[in-house]
Amino acid sequence: IYFYRHDITPWGQDFLIARLRDPQWAPVFVDDYTI
């Protein structure tokens, strides 16, 4: 999953929160632009 972090859509923000809580997915990179 490759996301622009500043996606202001409500579904985009909800999706990122859900994936951070999802044990199937591991965050491996984050910076000021992307995750």
Full PDB file with SEQRES, HELIX, SHEET, SSBOND, CRYST1, ORIGX, SCALE, CONECT and MASTER records, all heavy atoms in Angstrom:
SEQRES   1 A   35  ILE TYR PHE TYR ARG HIS ASP ILE THR PRO TRP GLY GLN          
SEQRES   2 A   35  ASP PHE LEU ILE ALA ARG LEU ARG ASP PRO GLN TRP ALA          
SEQRES   3 A   35  PRO VAL PHE VAL ASP ASP TYR THR ILE                          
HELIX    1 AA1 PRO A   10  LEU A   20  1                                  11    
CRYST1    1.000    1.000    1.000  90.00  90.00  90.00 P 1           1          
ORIGX1      1.000000  0.000000  0.000000        0.00000                         
ORIGX2      0.000000  1.000000  0.000000        0.00000                         
ORIGX3      0.000000  0.000000  1.000000        0.00000                         
SCALE1      1.000000  0.000000  0.000000        0.00000                         
SCALE2      0.000000  1.000000  0.000000        0.00000                         
SCALE3      0.000000  0.000000  1.000000        0.00000                         
ATOM      1  N   ILE A   1       0.874  -1.175   0.000  1.00  0.00           N  
ATOM      2  CA  ILE A   1       0.000   0.000   0.000  1.00  0.00           C  
ATOM      3  C   ILE A   1       0.912   1.226   0.000  1.00  0.00           C  
ATOM      4  O   ILE A   1       1.789   1.349   0.853  1.00  0.00           O  
ATOM      5  CB  ILE A   1      -0.927   0.031   1.229  1.00  0.00           C  
ATOM      6  CG1 ILE A   1      -1.856  -1.182   1.234  1.00  0.00           C  
ATOM      7  CG2 ILE A   1      -1.734   1.331   1.274  1.00  0.00           C  
ATOM      8  CD1 ILE A   1      -2.634  -1.348   2.535  1.00  0.00           C  
ATOM      9  N   TYR A   2       0.698   2.095  -0.956  1.00  0.00           N  
ATOM     10  CA  TYR A   2       1.572   3.272  -1.148  1.00  0.00           C  
ATOM     11  C   TYR A   2       0.661   4.485  -1.208  1.00  0.00           C  
ATOM     12  O   TYR A   2      -0.056   4.684  -2.164  1.00  0.00           O  
ATOM     13  CB  TYR A   2       2.335   3.096  -2.458  1.00  0.00           C  
ATOM     14  CG  TYR A   2       3.637   3.863  -2.602  1.00  0.00           C  
ATOM     15  CD1 TYR A   2       4.729   3.254  -3.230  1.00  0.00           C  
ATOM     16  CD2 TYR A   2       3.785   5.170  -2.170  1.00  0.00           C  
ATOM     17  CE1 TYR A   2       5.935   3.923  -3.406  1.00  0.00           C  
ATOM     18  CE2 TYR A   2       4.984   5.846  -2.338  1.00  0.00           C  
ATOM     19  CZ  TYR A   2       6.055   5.225  -2.959  1.00  0.00           C  
ATOM     20  OH  TYR A   2       7.235   5.897  -3.136  1.00  0.00           O  
ATOM     21  N   PHE A   3       0.686   5.322  -0.153  1.00  0.00           N  
ATOM     22  CA  PHE A   3      -0.308   6.380  -0.010  1.00  0.00           C  
ATOM     23  C   PHE A   3       0.333   7.746   0.160  1.00  0.00           C  
ATOM     24  O   PHE A   3       1.356   7.891   0.857  1.00  0.00           O  
ATOM     25  CB  PHE A   3      -1.181   6.122   1.224  1.00  0.00           C  
ATOM     26  CG  PHE A   3      -2.635   5.901   0.907  1.00  0.00           C  
ATOM     27  CD1 PHE A   3      -3.050   4.807   0.183  1.00  0.00           C  
ATOM     28  CD2 PHE A   3      -3.597   6.800   1.357  1.00  0.00           C  
ATOM     29  CE1 PHE A   3      -4.391   4.590  -0.090  1.00  0.00           C  
ATOM     30  CE2 PHE A   3      -4.932   6.600   1.095  1.00  0.00           C  
ATOM     31  CZ  PHE A   3      -5.334   5.493   0.368  1.00  0.00           C  
ATOM     32  N   TYR A   4      -0.301   8.750  -0.459  1.00  0.00           N  
ATOM     33  CA  TYR A   4       0.032  10.137  -0.166  1.00  0.00           C  
ATOM     34  C   TYR A   4      -0.605  10.486   1.173  1.00  0.00           C  
ATOM     35  O   TYR A   4      -1.832  10.419   1.331  1.00  0.00           O  
ATOM     36  CB  TYR A   4      -0.499  11.047  -1.275  1.00  0.00           C  
ATOM     37  CG  TYR A   4      -0.261  12.523  -1.037  1.00  0.00           C  
ATOM     38  CD1 TYR A   4       1.029  13.016  -0.883  1.00  0.00           C  
ATOM     39  CD2 TYR A   4      -1.327  13.420  -0.982  1.00  0.00           C  
ATOM     40  CE1 TYR A   4       1.253  14.374  -0.679  1.00  0.00           C  
ATOM     41  CE2 TYR A   4      -1.109  14.773  -0.782  1.00  0.00           C  
ATOM     42  CZ  TYR A   4       0.178  15.250  -0.631  1.00  0.00           C  
ATOM     43  OH  TYR A   4       0.394  16.584  -0.424  1.00  0.00           O  
ATOM     44  N   ARG A   5       0.205  10.865   2.153  1.00  0.00           N  
ATOM     45  CA  ARG A   5      -0.281  11.020   3.523  1.00  0.00           C  
ATOM     46  C   ARG A   5      -1.302  12.135   3.700  1.00  0.00           C  
ATOM     47  O   ARG A   5      -2.121  12.089   4.620  1.00  0.00           O  
ATOM     48  CB  ARG A   5       0.900  11.295   4.461  1.00  0.00           C  
ATOM     49  CG  ARG A   5       1.693  10.065   4.842  1.00  0.00           C  
ATOM     50  CD  ARG A   5       2.746  10.422   5.860  1.00  0.00           C  
ATOM     51  NE  ARG A   5       2.169  11.081   7.019  1.00  0.00           N  
ATOM     52  CZ  ARG A   5       2.802  11.964   7.794  1.00  0.00           C  
ATOM     53  NH1 ARG A   5       4.044  12.298   7.505  1.00  0.00           N  
ATOM     54  NH2 ARG A   5       2.216  12.509   8.833  1.00  0.00           N  
ATOM     55  N   HIS A   6      -1.249  13.145   2.839  1.00  0.00           N  
ATOM     56  CA  HIS A   6      -2.106  14.313   3.029  1.00  0.00           C  
ATOM     57  C   HIS A   6      -3.392  14.240   2.209  1.00  0.00           C  
ATOM     58  O   HIS A   6      -3.986  15.277   1.900  1.00  0.00           O  
ATOM     59  CB  HIS A   6      -1.320  15.578   2.713  1.00  0.00           C  
ATOM     60  CG  HIS A   6      -0.056  15.695   3.499  1.00  0.00           C  
ATOM     61  ND1 HIS A   6      -0.048  15.967   4.859  1.00  0.00           N  
ATOM     62  CD2 HIS A   6       1.248  15.526   3.146  1.00  0.00           C  
ATOM     63  CE1 HIS A   6       1.196  15.988   5.288  1.00  0.00           C  
ATOM     64  NE2 HIS A   6       2.002  15.720   4.281  1.00  0.00           N  
ATOM     65  N   ASP A   7      -3.788  13.040   1.853  1.00  0.00           N  
ATOM     66  CA  ASP A   7      -5.092  12.811   1.223  1.00  0.00           C  
ATOM     67  C   ASP A   7      -6.168  13.296   2.196  1.00  0.00           C  
ATOM     68  O   ASP A   7      -6.327  12.757   3.290  1.00  0.00           O  
ATOM     69  CB  ASP A   7      -5.249  11.317   0.951  1.00  0.00           C  
ATOM     70  CG  ASP A   7      -6.555  10.963   0.241  1.00  0.00           C  
ATOM     71  OD1 ASP A   7      -7.521  11.738   0.347  1.00  0.00           O  
ATOM     72  OD2 ASP A   7      -6.597   9.904  -0.403  1.00  0.00           O  
ATOM     73  N   ILE A   8      -6.915  14.354   1.795  1.00  0.00           N  
ATOM     74  CA  ILE A   8      -7.874  14.960   2.726  1.00  0.00           C  
ATOM     75  C   ILE A   8      -9.266  14.350   2.650  1.00  0.00           C  
ATOM     76  O   ILE A   8     -10.172  14.789   3.346  1.00  0.00           O  
ATOM     77  CB  ILE A   8      -7.981  16.482   2.512  1.00  0.00           C  
ATOM     78  CG1 ILE A   8      -8.522  16.787   1.108  1.00  0.00           C  
ATOM     79  CG2 ILE A   8      -6.641  17.150   2.759  1.00  0.00           C  
ATOM     80  CD1 ILE A   8      -8.821  18.262   0.884  1.00  0.00           C  
ATOM     81  N   THR A   9      -9.440  13.330   1.795  1.00  0.00           N  
ATOM     82  CA  THR A   9     -10.756  12.689   1.727  1.00  0.00           C  
ATOM     83  C   THR A   9     -11.020  11.920   3.019  1.00  0.00           C  
ATOM     84  O   THR A   9     -10.090  11.321   3.587  1.00  0.00           O  
ATOM     85  CB  THR A   9     -10.835  11.726   0.537  1.00  0.00           C  
ATOM     86  OG1 THR A   9      -9.856  10.697   0.689  1.00  0.00           O  
ATOM     87  CG2 THR A   9     -10.589  12.468  -0.774  1.00  0.00           C  
ATOM     88  N   PRO A  10     -12.252  11.900   3.485  1.00  0.00           N  
ATOM     89  CA  PRO A  10     -12.542  11.159   4.723  1.00  0.00           C  
ATOM     90  C   PRO A  10     -12.278   9.670   4.587  1.00  0.00           C  
ATOM     91  O   PRO A  10     -11.816   9.037   5.545  1.00  0.00           O  
ATOM     92  CB  PRO A  10     -14.029  11.457   4.979  1.00  0.00           C  
ATOM     93  CG  PRO A  10     -14.580  11.944   3.683  1.00  0.00           C  
ATOM     94  CD  PRO A  10     -13.438  12.616   2.971  1.00  0.00           C  
ATOM     95  N   TRP A  11     -12.528   9.110   3.383  1.00  0.00           N  
ATOM     96  CA  TRP A  11     -12.275   7.675   3.230  1.00  0.00           C  
ATOM     97  C   TRP A  11     -10.780   7.374   3.224  1.00  0.00           C  
ATOM     98  O   TRP A  11     -10.361   6.343   3.723  1.00  0.00           O  
ATOM     99  CB  TRP A  11     -12.937   7.140   1.959  1.00  0.00           C  
ATOM    100  CG  TRP A  11     -12.642   7.908   0.702  1.00  0.00           C  
ATOM    101  CD1 TRP A  11     -11.551   7.812  -0.100  1.00  0.00           C  
ATOM    102  CD2 TRP A  11     -13.471   8.920   0.127  1.00  0.00           C  
ATOM    103  NE1 TRP A  11     -11.625   8.685  -1.146  1.00  0.00           N  
ATOM    104  CE2 TRP A  11     -12.797   9.374  -1.052  1.00  0.00           C  
ATOM    105  CE3 TRP A  11     -14.704   9.477   0.449  1.00  0.00           C  
ATOM    106  CZ2 TRP A  11     -13.330  10.368  -1.873  1.00  0.00           C  
ATOM    107  CZ3 TRP A  11     -15.230  10.462  -0.374  1.00  0.00           C  
ATOM    108  CH2 TRP A  11     -14.552  10.901  -1.515  1.00  0.00           C  
ATOM    109  N   GLY A  12      -9.984   8.278   2.696  1.00  0.00           N  
ATOM    110  CA  GLY A  12      -8.538   8.061   2.700  1.00  0.00           C  
ATOM    111  C   GLY A  12      -7.973   8.049   4.102  1.00  0.00           C  
ATOM    112  O   GLY A  12      -7.154   7.191   4.466  1.00  0.00           O  
ATOM    113  N   GLN A  13      -8.394   8.989   4.940  1.00  0.00           N  
ATOM    114  CA  GLN A  13      -7.918   9.038   6.315  1.00  0.00           C  
ATOM    115  C   GLN A  13      -8.398   7.823   7.109  1.00  0.00           C  
ATOM    116  O   GLN A  13      -7.633   7.230   7.879  1.00  0.00           O  
ATOM    117  CB  GLN A  13      -8.400  10.326   6.981  1.00  0.00           C  
ATOM    118  CG  GLN A  13      -7.772  11.580   6.390  1.00  0.00           C  
ATOM    119  CD  GLN A  13      -6.269  11.613   6.579  1.00  0.00           C  
ATOM    120  OE1 GLN A  13      -5.767  11.497   7.687  1.00  0.00           O  
ATOM    121  NE2 GLN A  13      -5.533  11.767   5.479  1.00  0.00           N  
ATOM    122  N   ASP A  14      -9.653   7.448   6.930  1.00  0.00           N  
ATOM    123  CA  ASP A  14     -10.178   6.265   7.624  1.00  0.00           C  
ATOM    124  C   ASP A  14      -9.417   5.001   7.219  1.00  0.00           C  
ATOM    125  O   ASP A  14      -9.146   4.121   8.049  1.00  0.00           O  
ATOM    126  CB  ASP A  14     -11.667   6.087   7.308  1.00  0.00           C  
ATOM    127  CG  ASP A  14     -12.530   7.134   8.000  1.00  0.00           C  
ATOM    128  OD1 ASP A  14     -12.014   7.830   8.898  1.00  0.00           O  
ATOM    129  OD2 ASP A  14     -13.715   7.263   7.644  1.00  0.00           O  
ATOM    130  N   PHE A  15      -9.086   4.927   5.930  1.00  0.00           N  
ATOM    131  CA  PHE A  15      -8.370   3.755   5.429  1.00  0.00           C  
ATOM    132  C   PHE A  15      -6.991   3.642   6.073  1.00  0.00           C  
ATOM    133  O   PHE A  15      -6.568   2.547   6.490  1.00  0.00           O  
ATOM    134  CB  PHE A  15      -8.258   3.834   3.912  1.00  0.00           C  
ATOM    135  CG  PHE A  15      -7.484   2.705   3.297  1.00  0.00           C  
ATOM    136  CD1 PHE A  15      -8.061   1.457   3.136  1.00  0.00           C  
ATOM    137  CD2 PHE A  15      -6.166   2.884   2.884  1.00  0.00           C  
ATOM    138  CE1 PHE A  15      -7.349   0.401   2.576  1.00  0.00           C  
ATOM    139  CE2 PHE A  15      -5.440   1.842   2.325  1.00  0.00           C  
ATOM    140  CZ  PHE A  15      -6.042   0.599   2.171  1.00  0.00           C  
ATOM    141  N   LEU A  16      -6.272   4.745   6.163  1.00  0.00           N  
ATOM    142  CA  LEU A  16      -4.942   4.711   6.770  1.00  0.00           C  
ATOM    143  C   LEU A  16      -5.004   4.306   8.238  1.00  0.00           C  
ATOM    144  O   LEU A  16      -4.173   3.522   8.728  1.00  0.00           O  
ATOM    145  CB  LEU A  16      -4.263   6.076   6.628  1.00  0.00           C  
ATOM    146  CG  LEU A  16      -3.834   6.480   5.217  1.00  0.00           C  
ATOM    147  CD1 LEU A  16      -3.163   7.852   5.242  1.00  0.00           C  
ATOM    148  CD2 LEU A  16      -2.895   5.450   4.604  1.00  0.00           C  
ATOM    149  N   ILE A  17      -6.004   4.824   8.943  1.00  0.00           N  
ATOM    150  CA  ILE A  17      -6.167   4.444  10.353  1.00  0.00           C  
ATOM    151  C   ILE A  17      -6.445   2.949  10.479  1.00  0.00           C  
ATOM    152  O   ILE A  17      -5.865   2.255  11.332  1.00  0.00           O  
ATOM    153  CB  ILE A  17      -7.305   5.265  10.989  1.00  0.00           C  
ATOM    154  CG1 ILE A  17      -6.898   6.742  11.082  1.00  0.00           C  
ATOM    155  CG2 ILE A  17      -7.655   4.723  12.368  1.00  0.00           C  
ATOM    156  CD1 ILE A  17      -8.030   7.663  11.485  1.00  0.00           C  
ATOM    157  N   ALA A  18      -7.320   2.448   9.577  1.00  0.00           N  
ATOM    158  CA  ALA A  18      -7.659   1.023   9.624  1.00  0.00           C  
ATOM    159  C   ALA A  18      -6.438   0.150   9.335  1.00  0.00           C  
ATOM    160  O   ALA A  18      -6.245  -0.896   9.963  1.00  0.00           O  
ATOM    161  CB  ALA A  18      -8.775   0.723   8.622  1.00  0.00           C  
ATOM    162  N   ARG A  19      -5.604   0.566   8.407  1.00  0.00           N  
ATOM    163  CA  ARG A  19      -4.430  -0.254   8.070  1.00  0.00           C  
ATOM    164  C   ARG A  19      -3.375  -0.213   9.179  1.00  0.00           C  
ATOM    165  O   ARG A  19      -2.663  -1.193   9.410  1.00  0.00           O  
ATOM    166  CB  ARG A  19      -3.809   0.210   6.754  1.00  0.00           C  
ATOM    167  CG  ARG A  19      -4.725   0.076   5.553  1.00  0.00           C  
ATOM    168  CD  ARG A  19      -5.035  -1.367   5.126  1.00  0.00           C  
ATOM    169  NE  ARG A  19      -5.922  -2.091   5.994  1.00  0.00           N  
ATOM    170  CZ  ARG A  19      -7.265  -1.932   6.062  1.00  0.00           C  
ATOM    171  NH1 ARG A  19      -7.864  -1.021   5.323  1.00  0.00           N  
ATOM    172  NH2 ARG A  19      -7.987  -2.680   6.864  1.00  0.00           N  
ATOM    173  N   LEU A  20      -3.260   0.905   9.864  1.00  0.00           N  
ATOM    174  CA  LEU A  20      -2.339   0.961  10.997  1.00  0.00           C  
ATOM    175  C   LEU A  20      -2.766   0.006  12.102  1.00  0.00           C  
ATOM    176  O   LEU A  20      -1.933  -0.495  12.877  1.00  0.00           O  
ATOM    177  CB  LEU A  20      -2.248   2.389  11.538  1.00  0.00           C  
ATOM    178  CG  LEU A  20      -1.407   3.366  10.705  1.00  0.00           C  
ATOM    179  CD1 LEU A  20      -1.604   4.795  11.195  1.00  0.00           C  
ATOM    180  CD2 LEU A  20       0.080   2.988  10.753  1.00  0.00           C  
ATOM    181  N   ARG A  21      -4.058  -0.265  12.190  1.00  0.00           N  
ATOM    182  CA  ARG A  21      -4.591  -1.181  13.200  1.00  0.00           C  
ATOM    183  C   ARG A  21      -4.725  -2.602  12.683  1.00  0.00           C  
ATOM    184  O   ARG A  21      -5.119  -3.506  13.423  1.00  0.00           O  
ATOM    185  CB  ARG A  21      -5.958  -0.675  13.667  1.00  0.00           C  
ATOM    186  CG  ARG A  21      -5.885   0.642  14.438  1.00  0.00           C  
ATOM    187  CD  ARG A  21      -7.258   1.215  14.656  1.00  0.00           C  
ATOM    188  NE  ARG A  21      -7.215   2.372  15.563  1.00  0.00           N  
ATOM    189  CZ  ARG A  21      -8.232   3.203  15.758  1.00  0.00           C  
ATOM    190  NH1 ARG A  21      -9.382   3.007  15.107  1.00  0.00           N  
ATOM    191  NH2 ARG A  21      -8.110   4.217  16.597  1.00  0.00           N  
ATOM    192  N   ASP A  22      -4.425  -2.812  11.418  1.00  0.00           N  
ATOM    193  CA  ASP A  22      -4.628  -4.110  10.772  1.00  0.00           C  
ATOM    194  C   ASP A  22      -3.363  -4.959  10.938  1.00  0.00           C  
ATOM    195  O   ASP A  22      -2.295  -4.605  10.425  1.00  0.00           O  
ATOM    196  CB  ASP A  22      -4.932  -3.886   9.290  1.00  0.00           C  
ATOM    197  CG  ASP A  22      -5.364  -5.166   8.570  1.00  0.00           C  
ATOM    198  OD1 ASP A  22      -5.111  -6.261   9.108  1.00  0.00           O  
ATOM    199  OD2 ASP A  22      -5.940  -5.058   7.466  1.00  0.00           O  
ATOM    200  N   PRO A  23      -3.429  -6.090  11.631  1.00  0.00           N  
ATOM    201  CA  PRO A  23      -2.232  -6.911  11.854  1.00  0.00           C  
ATOM    202  C   PRO A  23      -1.672  -7.524  10.569  1.00  0.00           C  
ATOM    203  O   PRO A  23      -0.529  -7.995  10.555  1.00  0.00           O  
ATOM    204  CB  PRO A  23      -2.726  -8.009  12.811  1.00  0.00           C  
ATOM    205  CG  PRO A  23      -4.211  -8.046  12.607  1.00  0.00           C  
ATOM    206  CD  PRO A  23      -4.625  -6.654  12.284  1.00  0.00           C  
ATOM    207  N   GLN A  24      -2.469  -7.508   9.497  1.00  0.00           N  
ATOM    208  CA  GLN A  24      -1.987  -8.085   8.245  1.00  0.00           C  
ATOM    209  C   GLN A  24      -1.001  -7.161   7.528  1.00  0.00           C  
ATOM    210  O   GLN A  24      -0.249  -7.600   6.668  1.00  0.00           O  
ATOM    211  CB  GLN A  24      -3.171  -8.388   7.314  1.00  0.00           C  
ATOM    212  CG  GLN A  24      -2.788  -9.213   6.098  1.00  0.00           C  
ATOM    213  CD  GLN A  24      -3.981  -9.557   5.230  1.00  0.00           C  
ATOM    214  OE1 GLN A  24      -5.062  -8.976   5.366  1.00  0.00           O  
ATOM    215  NE2 GLN A  24      -3.808 -10.509   4.333  1.00  0.00           N  
ATOM    216  N   TRP A  25      -1.004  -5.868   7.914  1.00  0.00           N  
ATOM    217  CA  TRP A  25      -0.183  -4.891   7.212  1.00  0.00           C  
ATOM    218  C   TRP A  25       0.795  -4.217   8.169  1.00  0.00           C  
ATOM    219  O   TRP A  25       0.443  -3.866   9.290  1.00  0.00           O  
ATOM    220  CB  TRP A  25      -1.061  -3.834   6.543  1.00  0.00           C  
ATOM    221  CG  TRP A  25      -1.846  -4.401   5.393  1.00  0.00           C  
ATOM    222  CD1 TRP A  25      -3.089  -4.954   5.445  1.00  0.00           C  
ATOM    223  CD2 TRP A  25      -1.399  -4.513   4.050  1.00  0.00           C  
ATOM    224  NE1 TRP A  25      -3.467  -5.405   4.202  1.00  0.00           N  
ATOM    225  CE2 TRP A  25      -2.445  -5.140   3.314  1.00  0.00           C  
ATOM    226  CE3 TRP A  25      -0.234  -4.151   3.374  1.00  0.00           C  
ATOM    227  CZ2 TRP A  25      -2.346  -5.412   1.954  1.00  0.00           C  
ATOM    228  CZ3 TRP A  25      -0.138  -4.420   2.016  1.00  0.00           C  
ATOM    229  CH2 TRP A  25      -1.183  -5.037   1.327  1.00  0.00           C  
ATOM    230  N   ALA A  26       2.026  -4.056   7.698  1.00  0.00           N  
ATOM    231  CA  ALA A  26       3.073  -3.448   8.518  1.00  0.00           C  
ATOM    232  C   ALA A  26       3.573  -2.163   7.856  1.00  0.00           C  
ATOM    233  O   ALA A  26       3.957  -2.194   6.675  1.00  0.00           O  
ATOM    234  CB  ALA A  26       4.243  -4.419   8.681  1.00  0.00           C  
ATOM    235  N   PRO A  27       3.583  -1.044   8.575  1.00  0.00           N  
ATOM    236  CA  PRO A  27       4.174   0.172   8.008  1.00  0.00           C  
ATOM    237  C   PRO A  27       5.689   0.013   7.939  1.00  0.00           C  
ATOM    238  O   PRO A  27       6.338  -0.342   8.926  1.00  0.00           O  
ATOM    239  CB  PRO A  27       3.776   1.260   9.007  1.00  0.00           C  
ATOM    240  CG  PRO A  27       3.557   0.541  10.298  1.00  0.00           C  
ATOM    241  CD  PRO A  27       3.046  -0.822   9.936  1.00  0.00           C  
ATOM    242  N   VAL A  28       6.252   0.263   6.763  1.00  0.00           N  
ATOM    243  CA  VAL A  28       7.693   0.070   6.598  1.00  0.00           C  
ATOM    244  C   VAL A  28       8.409   1.367   6.200  1.00  0.00           C  
ATOM    245  O   VAL A  28       9.649   1.423   6.219  1.00  0.00           O  
ATOM    246  CB  VAL A  28       7.997  -1.021   5.546  1.00  0.00           C  
ATOM    247  CG1 VAL A  28       7.540  -2.383   6.047  1.00  0.00           C  
ATOM    248  CG2 VAL A  28       7.344  -0.693   4.205  1.00  0.00           C  
ATOM    249  N   PHE A  29       7.653   2.381   5.848  1.00  0.00           N  
ATOM    250  CA  PHE A  29       8.273   3.667   5.493  1.00  0.00           C  
ATOM    251  C   PHE A  29       7.253   4.786   5.722  1.00  0.00           C  
ATOM    252  O   PHE A  29       6.074   4.637   5.419  1.00  0.00           O  
ATOM    253  CB  PHE A  29       8.711   3.683   4.025  1.00  0.00           C  
ATOM    254  CG  PHE A  29       9.342   4.991   3.606  1.00  0.00           C  
ATOM    255  CD1 PHE A  29      10.699   5.191   3.733  1.00  0.00           C  
ATOM    256  CD2 PHE A  29       8.563   6.038   3.121  1.00  0.00           C  
ATOM    257  CE1 PHE A  29      11.286   6.398   3.374  1.00  0.00           C  
ATOM    258  CE2 PHE A  29       9.131   7.243   2.761  1.00  0.00           C  
ATOM    259  CZ  PHE A  29      10.495   7.426   2.887  1.00  0.00           C  
ATOM    260  N   VAL A  30       7.730   5.901   6.231  1.00  0.00           N  
ATOM    261  CA  VAL A  30       6.887   7.093   6.350  1.00  0.00           C  
ATOM    262  C   VAL A  30       7.790   8.324   6.293  1.00  0.00           C  
ATOM    263  O   VAL A  30       8.920   8.311   6.802  1.00  0.00           O  
ATOM    264  CB  VAL A  30       6.059   7.077   7.662  1.00  0.00           C  
ATOM    265  CG1 VAL A  30       6.952   7.176   8.879  1.00  0.00           C  
ATOM    266  CG2 VAL A  30       5.024   8.195   7.656  1.00  0.00           C  
ATOM    267  N   ASP A  31       7.319   9.358   5.628  1.00  0.00           N  
ATOM    268  CA  ASP A  31       8.015  10.640   5.637  1.00  0.00           C  
ATOM    269  C   ASP A  31       6.966  11.747   5.562  1.00  0.00           C  
ATOM    270  O   ASP A  31       5.776  11.496   5.810  1.00  0.00           O  
ATOM    271  CB  ASP A  31       9.056  10.732   4.515  1.00  0.00           C  
ATOM    272  CG  ASP A  31       8.457  10.696   3.114  1.00  0.00           C  
ATOM    273  OD1 ASP A  31       7.199  10.681   2.993  1.00  0.00           O  
ATOM    274  OD2 ASP A  31       9.217  10.674   2.137  1.00  0.00           O  
ATOM    275  N   ASP A  32       7.374  12.946   5.235  1.00  0.00           N  
ATOM    276  CA  ASP A  32       6.439  14.067   5.213  1.00  0.00           C  
ATOM    277  C   ASP A  32       5.411  13.957   4.091  1.00  0.00           C  
ATOM    278  O   ASP A  32       4.409  14.680   4.097  1.00  0.00           O  
ATOM    279  CB  ASP A  32       7.199  15.394   5.037  1.00  0.00           C  
ATOM    280  CG  ASP A  32       8.018  15.745   6.262  1.00  0.00           C  
ATOM    281  OD1 ASP A  32       7.698  15.219   7.350  1.00  0.00           O  
ATOM    282  OD2 ASP A  32       8.972  16.537   6.138  1.00  0.00           O  
ATOM    283  N   TYR A  33       5.645  13.072   3.126  1.00  0.00           N  
ATOM    284  CA  TYR A  33       4.774  12.995   1.963  1.00  0.00           C  
ATOM    285  C   TYR A  33       3.971  11.700   1.895  1.00  0.00           C  
ATOM    286  O   TYR A  33       2.798  11.710   1.521  1.00  0.00           O  
ATOM    287  CB  TYR A  33       5.609  13.112   0.676  1.00  0.00           C  
ATOM    288  CG  TYR A  33       6.553  14.287   0.644  1.00  0.00           C  
ATOM    289  CD1 TYR A  33       7.905  14.132   0.956  1.00  0.00           C  
ATOM    290  CD2 TYR A  33       6.099  15.554   0.310  1.00  0.00           C  
ATOM    291  CE1 TYR A  33       8.778  15.203   0.923  1.00  0.00           C  
ATOM    292  CE2 TYR A  33       6.974  16.643   0.278  1.00  0.00           C  
ATOM    293  CZ  TYR A  33       8.309  16.459   0.587  1.00  0.00           C  
ATOM    294  OH  TYR A  33       9.163  17.526   0.559  1.00  0.00           O  
ATOM    295  N   THR A  34       4.594  10.586   2.233  1.00  0.00           N  
ATOM    296  CA  THR A  34       3.990   9.291   1.946  1.00  0.00           C  
ATOM    297  C   THR A  34       4.087   8.339   3.131  1.00  0.00           C  
ATOM    298  O   THR A  34       4.859   8.551   4.072  1.00  0.00           O  
ATOM    299  CB  THR A  34       4.685   8.618   0.744  1.00  0.00           C  
ATOM    300  OG1 THR A  34       6.061   8.415   1.072  1.00  0.00           O  
ATOM    301  CG2 THR A  34       4.590   9.496  -0.498  1.00  0.00           C  
ATOM    302  N   ILE A  35       3.299   7.271   3.021  1.00  0.00           N  
ATOM    303  CA  ILE A  35       3.436   6.138   3.931  1.00  0.00           C  
ATOM    304  C   ILE A  35       3.312   4.872   3.095  1.00  0.00           C  
ATOM    305  O   ILE A  35       2.500   4.803   2.160  1.00  0.00           O  
ATOM    306  CB  ILE A  35       2.381   6.173   5.055  1.00  0.00           C  
ATOM    307  CG1 ILE A  35       2.602   5.022   6.032  1.00  0.00           C  
ATOM    308  CG2 ILE A  35       0.961   6.148   4.503  1.00  0.00           C  
ATOM    309  CD1 ILE A  35       1.777   5.128   7.305  1.00  0.00           C  
TER     310      ILE A  35                                                      
MASTER        0    0    0    1    0    0    0    6  309    1    0    3          
END                                                                             
